[in-house]
Amino acid sequence: MKSARNPATSPATIHQTSASSLLRQAGVRVTDARLHVLTELLLSQRALSHLEVQDALPDMDRVTLYRALDCLTDAGLAHKIAGDDRVFRYSTGSETTYPANNERNVQHQHGHFKCTLCTRVFCLDDAQQPASLREQLQATLSSTLGRGFQSHDIELTIKGLCADCSR
């Protein structure tokens, strides 16, 4: 006997509703491509390459996908992680905020973990860590280089083996 599931409460539907709301809140026109790409990024537990998003959305052409990813990145709804393997990966992160005046305050300043075997990238965006990590790195910047240096973006990548590859 199959159990009846409410499609309105499936993770995909919930994330699609959230994606639609995030696009509107960011002042970005809601298109099918942007909605599907953002939903896929929200569903993922890790950063995805263009090819991984394309595999997940096989009906979307490459150019449309690139444009959707660029739009989401420009709007602060996703961030692009540059890898030493020359592959960009995209993630939604959890630090984009929209204050009362609706101006975007993009703060994708958190670390990443990259598995050196399977090359998957995971965001380290624990709500408690980023502020203290930013403060520590800014203090190191100031003490090392002196006054006047102010960071606006932090890229920190820890490399090792993920849980799947370390077995």
C-alpha atoms as a PDB file:
ATOM      1  CA  MET A   1       0.000   0.000   0.000  1.00  0.00           C
ATOM      2  CA  LYS A   2       1.467   3.354  -1.060  1.00  0.00           C
ATOM      3  CA  SER A   3       1.338   6.238   1.327  1.00  0.00           C
ATOM      4  CA  ALA A   4      -0.228   9.378  -0.069  1.00  0.00           C
ATOM      5  CA  ARG A   5       2.144  12.338  -0.047  1.00  0.00           C
ATOM      6  CA  ASN A   6       1.003  15.866  -0.351  1.00  0.00           C
ATOM      7  CA  PRO A   7       2.921  17.342  -3.328  1.00  0.00           C
ATOM      8  CA  ALA A   8       2.513  20.819  -1.826  1.00  0.00           C
ATOM      9  CA  THR A   9       4.734  19.826   1.092  1.00  0.00           C
ATOM     10  CA  SER A  10       7.478  18.063  -0.893  1.00  0.00           C
ATOM     11  CA  PRO A  11      10.986  19.538  -0.476  1.00  0.00           C
ATOM     12  CA  ALA A  12      11.060  20.553  -4.152  1.00  0.00           C
ATOM     13  CA  THR A  13       7.749  22.434  -3.885  1.00  0.00           C
ATOM     14  CA  ILE A  14       8.771  24.145  -0.658  1.00  0.00           C
ATOM     15  CA  HIS A  15      12.115  25.211  -2.162  1.00  0.00           C
ATOM     16  CA  GLN A  16      10.432  26.394  -5.367  1.00  0.00           C
ATOM     17  CA  THR A  17       8.064  28.571  -3.336  1.00  0.00           C
ATOM     18  CA  SER A  18      11.039  29.903  -1.386  1.00  0.00           C
ATOM     19  CA  ALA A  19      12.967  30.540  -4.615  1.00  0.00           C
ATOM     20  CA  SER A  20      10.071  32.503  -6.076  1.00  0.00           C
ATOM     21  CA  SER A  21       9.838  34.601  -2.928  1.00  0.00           C
ATOM     22  CA  LEU A  22      13.605  35.228  -2.865  1.00  0.00           C
ATOM     23  CA  LEU A  23      13.608  36.350  -6.492  1.00  0.00           C
ATOM     24  CA  ARG A  24      10.765  38.810  -5.869  1.00  0.00           C
ATOM     25  CA  GLN A  25      12.384  40.058  -2.654  1.00  0.00           C
ATOM     26  CA  ALA A  26      15.632  40.704  -4.535  1.00  0.00           C
ATOM     27  CA  GLY A  27      13.762  42.657  -7.192  1.00  0.00           C
ATOM     28  CA  VAL A  28      14.598  40.093  -9.879  1.00  0.00           C
ATOM     29  CA  ARG A  29      12.035  39.140 -12.509  1.00  0.00           C
ATOM     30  CA  VAL A  30      10.809  35.597 -11.875  1.00  0.00           C
ATOM     31  CA  THR A  31      11.468  33.483 -14.971  1.00  0.00           C
ATOM     32  CA  ASP A  32      11.196  29.719 -15.308  1.00  0.00           C
ATOM     33  CA  ALA A  33      14.962  29.415 -15.774  1.00  0.00           C
ATOM     34  CA  ARG A  34      15.839  31.490 -12.695  1.00  0.00           C
ATOM     35  CA  LEU A  35      13.189  29.727 -10.644  1.00  0.00           C
ATOM     36  CA  HIS A  36      14.393  26.233 -11.612  1.00  0.00           C
ATOM     37  CA  VAL A  37      18.093  27.055 -11.137  1.00  0.00           C
ATOM     38  CA  LEU A  38      17.566  28.731  -7.767  1.00  0.00           C
ATOM     39  CA  THR A  39      15.345  25.849  -6.631  1.00  0.00           C
ATOM     40  CA  GLU A  40      18.066  23.356  -7.602  1.00  0.00           C
ATOM     41  CA  LEU A  41      20.696  25.335  -5.678  1.00  0.00           C
ATOM     42  CA  LEU A  42      18.422  25.554  -2.633  1.00  0.00           C
ATOM     43  CA  LEU A  43      17.787  21.799  -2.758  1.00  0.00           C
ATOM     44  CA  SER A  44      21.479  20.979  -2.937  1.00  0.00           C
ATOM     45  CA  GLN A  45      23.460  20.384   0.223  1.00  0.00           C
ATOM     46  CA  ARG A  46      26.637  21.551  -1.516  1.00  0.00           C
ATOM     47  CA  ALA A  47      27.904  23.906  -4.196  1.00  0.00           C
ATOM     48  CA  LEU A  48      27.163  22.786  -7.758  1.00  0.00           C
ATOM     49  CA  SER A  49      29.143  23.295 -10.945  1.00  0.00           C
ATOM     50  CA  HIS A  50      27.471  24.521 -14.121  1.00  0.00           C
ATOM     51  CA  LEU A  51      27.635  20.953 -15.451  1.00  0.00           C
ATOM     52  CA  GLU A  52      25.954  19.541 -12.325  1.00  0.00           C
ATOM     53  CA  VAL A  53      23.120  22.065 -12.590  1.00  0.00           C
ATOM     54  CA  GLN A  54      22.839  21.298 -16.303  1.00  0.00           C
ATOM     55  CA  ASP A  55      22.608  17.566 -15.529  1.00  0.00           C
ATOM     56  CA  ALA A  56      19.847  18.291 -13.002  1.00  0.00           C
ATOM     57  CA  LEU A  57      17.981  20.476 -15.533  1.00  0.00           C
ATOM     58  CA  PRO A  58      18.571  18.683 -18.861  1.00  0.00           C
ATOM     59  CA  ASP A  59      15.847  20.592 -20.743  1.00  0.00           C
ATOM     60  CA  MET A  60      17.593  23.936 -20.166  1.00  0.00           C
ATOM     61  CA  ASP A  61      20.144  25.074 -22.746  1.00  0.00           C
ATOM     62  CA  ARG A  62      23.672  26.054 -21.665  1.00  0.00           C
ATOM     63  CA  VAL A  63      23.389  29.751 -22.453  1.00  0.00           C
ATOM     64  CA  THR A  64      20.119  30.155 -20.540  1.00  0.00           C
ATOM     65  CA  LEU A  65      21.681  28.349 -17.599  1.00  0.00           C
ATOM     66  CA  TYR A  66      24.765  30.596 -17.644  1.00  0.00           C
ATOM     67  CA  ARG A  67      22.552  33.686 -17.784  1.00  0.00           C
ATOM     68  CA  ALA A  68      20.381  32.445 -14.919  1.00  0.00           C
ATOM     69  CA  LEU A  69      23.452  31.693 -12.769  1.00  0.00           C
ATOM     70  CA  ASP A  70      24.944  35.124 -13.564  1.00  0.00           C
ATOM     71  CA  CYS A  71      21.644  36.818 -12.699  1.00  0.00           C
ATOM     72  CA  LEU A  72      21.369  34.955  -9.383  1.00  0.00           C
ATOM     73  CA  THR A  73      24.985  35.789  -8.568  1.00  0.00           C
ATOM     74  CA  ASP A  74      24.547  39.475  -9.466  1.00  0.00           C
ATOM     75  CA  ALA A  75      21.380  39.632  -7.337  1.00  0.00           C
ATOM     76  CA  GLY A  76      23.203  38.145  -4.345  1.00  0.00           C
ATOM     77  CA  LEU A  77      20.982  35.074  -4.278  1.00  0.00           C
ATOM     78  CA  ALA A  78      23.872  32.754  -5.084  1.00  0.00           C
ATOM     79  CA  HIS A  79      27.601  33.041  -4.981  1.00  0.00           C
ATOM     80  CA  LYS A  80      30.294  31.784  -7.301  1.00  0.00           C
ATOM     81  CA  ILE A  81      33.139  29.799  -5.796  1.00  0.00           C
ATOM     82  CA  ALA A  82      36.331  29.759  -7.846  1.00  0.00           C
ATOM     83  CA  GLY A  83      38.097  26.440  -7.633  1.00  0.00           C
ATOM     84  CA  ASP A  84      41.758  25.724  -8.196  1.00  0.00           C
ATOM     85  CA  ASP A  85      40.559  23.240 -10.832  1.00  0.00           C
ATOM     86  CA  ARG A  86      39.245  26.224 -12.865  1.00  0.00           C
ATOM     87  CA  VAL A  87      35.642  25.131 -12.326  1.00  0.00           C
ATOM     88  CA  PHE A  88      33.189  27.617 -10.842  1.00  0.00           C
ATOM     89  CA  ARG A  89      30.652  26.226  -8.416  1.00  0.00           C
ATOM     90  CA  TYR A  90      27.486  27.955  -7.262  1.00  0.00           C
ATOM     91  CA  SER A  91      25.758  27.939  -3.905  1.00  0.00           C
ATOM     92  CA  THR A  92      23.001  29.893  -2.248  1.00  0.00           C
ATOM     93  CA  GLY A  93      24.711  30.169   1.139  1.00  0.00           C
ATOM     94  CA  SER A  94      22.719  31.551   4.029  1.00  0.00           C
ATOM     95  CA  GLU A  95      24.107  35.007   4.589  1.00  0.00           C
ATOM     96  CA  THR A  96      22.349  37.250   2.063  1.00  0.00           C
ATOM     97  CA  THR A  97      20.168  39.712   3.911  1.00  0.00           C
ATOM     98  CA  TYR A  98      17.648  42.296   2.770  1.00  0.00           C
ATOM     99  CA  PRO A  99      17.231  45.239   5.160  1.00  0.00           C
ATOM    100  CA  ALA A 100      14.093  47.355   5.399  1.00  0.00           C
ATOM    101  CA  ASN A 101      15.161  49.626   2.524  1.00  0.00           C
ATOM    102  CA  ASN A 102      15.371  46.471   0.312  1.00  0.00           C
ATOM    103  CA  GLU A 103      18.972  47.165  -0.718  1.00  0.00           C
ATOM    104  CA  ARG A 104      20.901  43.951  -1.000  1.00  0.00           C
ATOM    105  CA  ASN A 105      23.600  43.362   1.560  1.00  0.00           C
ATOM    106  CA  VAL A 106      25.522  40.492   0.017  1.00  0.00           C
ATOM    107  CA  GLN A 107      27.779  38.836   2.534  1.00  0.00           C
ATOM    108  CA  HIS A 108      28.812  35.472   1.183  1.00  0.00           C
ATOM    109  CA  GLN A 109      31.798  35.486   3.472  1.00  0.00           C
ATOM    110  CA  HIS A 110      32.198  31.994   4.741  1.00  0.00           C
ATOM    111  CA  GLY A 111      34.567  29.119   4.260  1.00  0.00           C
ATOM    112  CA  HIS A 112      34.246  26.141   1.984  1.00  0.00           C
ATOM    113  CA  PHE A 113      35.350  22.526   2.190  1.00  0.00           C
ATOM    114  CA  LYS A 114      36.552  20.920  -1.035  1.00  0.00           C
ATOM    115  CA  CYS A 115      36.998  17.170  -1.308  1.00  0.00           C
ATOM    116  CA  THR A 116      40.243  16.574  -3.175  1.00  0.00           C
ATOM    117  CA  LEU A 117      39.051  13.178  -4.405  1.00  0.00           C
ATOM    118  CA  CYS A 118      35.521  13.769  -5.755  1.00  0.00           C
ATOM    119  CA  THR A 119      35.950  17.602  -6.080  1.00  0.00           C
ATOM    120  CA  ARG A 120      32.589  18.365  -4.407  1.00  0.00           C
ATOM    121  CA  VAL A 121      32.476  21.680  -2.554  1.00  0.00           C
ATOM    122  CA  PHE A 122      30.448  22.288   0.617  1.00  0.00           C
ATOM    123  CA  CYS A 123      29.699  25.674   2.217  1.00  0.00           C
ATOM    124  CA  LEU A 124      30.714  26.154   5.828  1.00  0.00           C
ATOM    125  CA  ASP A 125      28.049  28.671   6.724  1.00  0.00           C
ATOM    126  CA  ASP A 126      27.131  27.901  10.303  1.00  0.00           C
ATOM    127  CA  ALA A 127      25.144  30.864  11.593  1.00  0.00           C
ATOM    128  CA  GLN A 128      27.430  31.208  14.627  1.00  0.00           C
ATOM    129  CA  GLN A 129      30.772  31.007  12.831  1.00  0.00           C
ATOM    130  CA  PRO A 130      30.888  33.519   9.964  1.00  0.00           C
ATOM    131  CA  ALA A 131      30.786  36.694  12.058  1.00  0.00           C
ATOM    132  CA  SER A 132      33.545  35.558  14.384  1.00  0.00           C
ATOM    133  CA  LEU A 133      35.614  34.199  11.480  1.00  0.00           C
ATOM    134  CA  ARG A 134      35.232  37.508   9.598  1.00  0.00           C
ATOM    135  CA  GLU A 135      36.200  39.408  12.732  1.00  0.00           C
ATOM    136  CA  GLN A 136      39.280  37.222  13.262  1.00  0.00           C
ATOM    137  CA  LEU A 137      40.385  37.576   9.654  1.00  0.00           C
ATOM    138  CA  GLN A 138      39.775  41.339   9.660  1.00  0.00           C
ATOM    139  CA  ALA A 139      41.826  41.634  12.873  1.00  0.00           C
ATOM    140  CA  THR A 140      44.627  39.630  11.243  1.00  0.00           C
ATOM    141  CA  LEU A 141      44.425  41.849   8.152  1.00  0.00           C
ATOM    142  CA  SER A 142      44.662  45.002  10.269  1.00  0.00           C
ATOM    143  CA  SER A 143      47.486  43.733  12.473  1.00  0.00           C
ATOM    144  CA  THR A 144      49.485  42.401   9.534  1.00  0.00           C
ATOM    145  CA  LEU A 145      49.027  45.186   6.985  1.00  0.00           C
ATOM    146  CA  GLY A 146      48.078  48.101   9.211  1.00  0.00           C
ATOM    147  CA  ARG A 147      45.145  50.458   9.356  1.00  0.00           C
ATOM    148  CA  GLY A 148      43.057  51.281   6.328  1.00  0.00           C
ATOM    149  CA  PHE A 149      42.765  47.800   4.859  1.00  0.00           C
ATOM    150  CA  GLN A 150      39.149  46.631   4.837  1.00  0.00           C
ATOM    151  CA  SER A 151      37.984  43.320   3.431  1.00  0.00           C
ATOM    152  CA  HIS A 152      34.821  43.095   1.373  1.00  0.00           C
ATOM    153  CA  ASP A 153      35.072  39.449   0.360  1.00  0.00           C
ATOM    154  CA  ILE A 154      36.655  36.422   1.992  1.00  0.00           C
ATOM    155  CA  GLU A 155      37.603  33.210   0.209  1.00  0.00           C
ATOM    156  CA  LEU A 156      38.698  30.415   2.495  1.00  0.00           C
ATOM    157  CA  THR A 157      38.825  26.796   1.365  1.00  0.00           C
ATOM    158  CA  ILE A 158      39.673  23.812   3.513  1.00  0.00           C
ATOM    159  CA  LYS A 159      40.762  20.810   1.459  1.00  0.00           C
ATOM    160  CA  GLY A 160      40.501  17.178   2.447  1.00  0.00           C
ATOM    161  CA  LEU A 161      38.279  14.141   1.973  1.00  0.00           C
ATOM    162  CA  CYS A 162      34.504  14.296   2.334  1.00  0.00           C
ATOM    163  CA  ALA A 163      32.599  11.748   4.424  1.00  0.00           C
ATOM    164  CA  ASP A 164      31.831   9.594   1.374  1.00  0.00           C
ATOM    165  CA  CYS A 165      35.430   9.529   0.094  1.00  0.00           C
ATOM    166  CA  SER A 166      37.074   8.977   3.475  1.00  0.00           C
ATOM    167  CA  ARG A 167      35.384   5.590   3.918  1.00  0.00           C
END
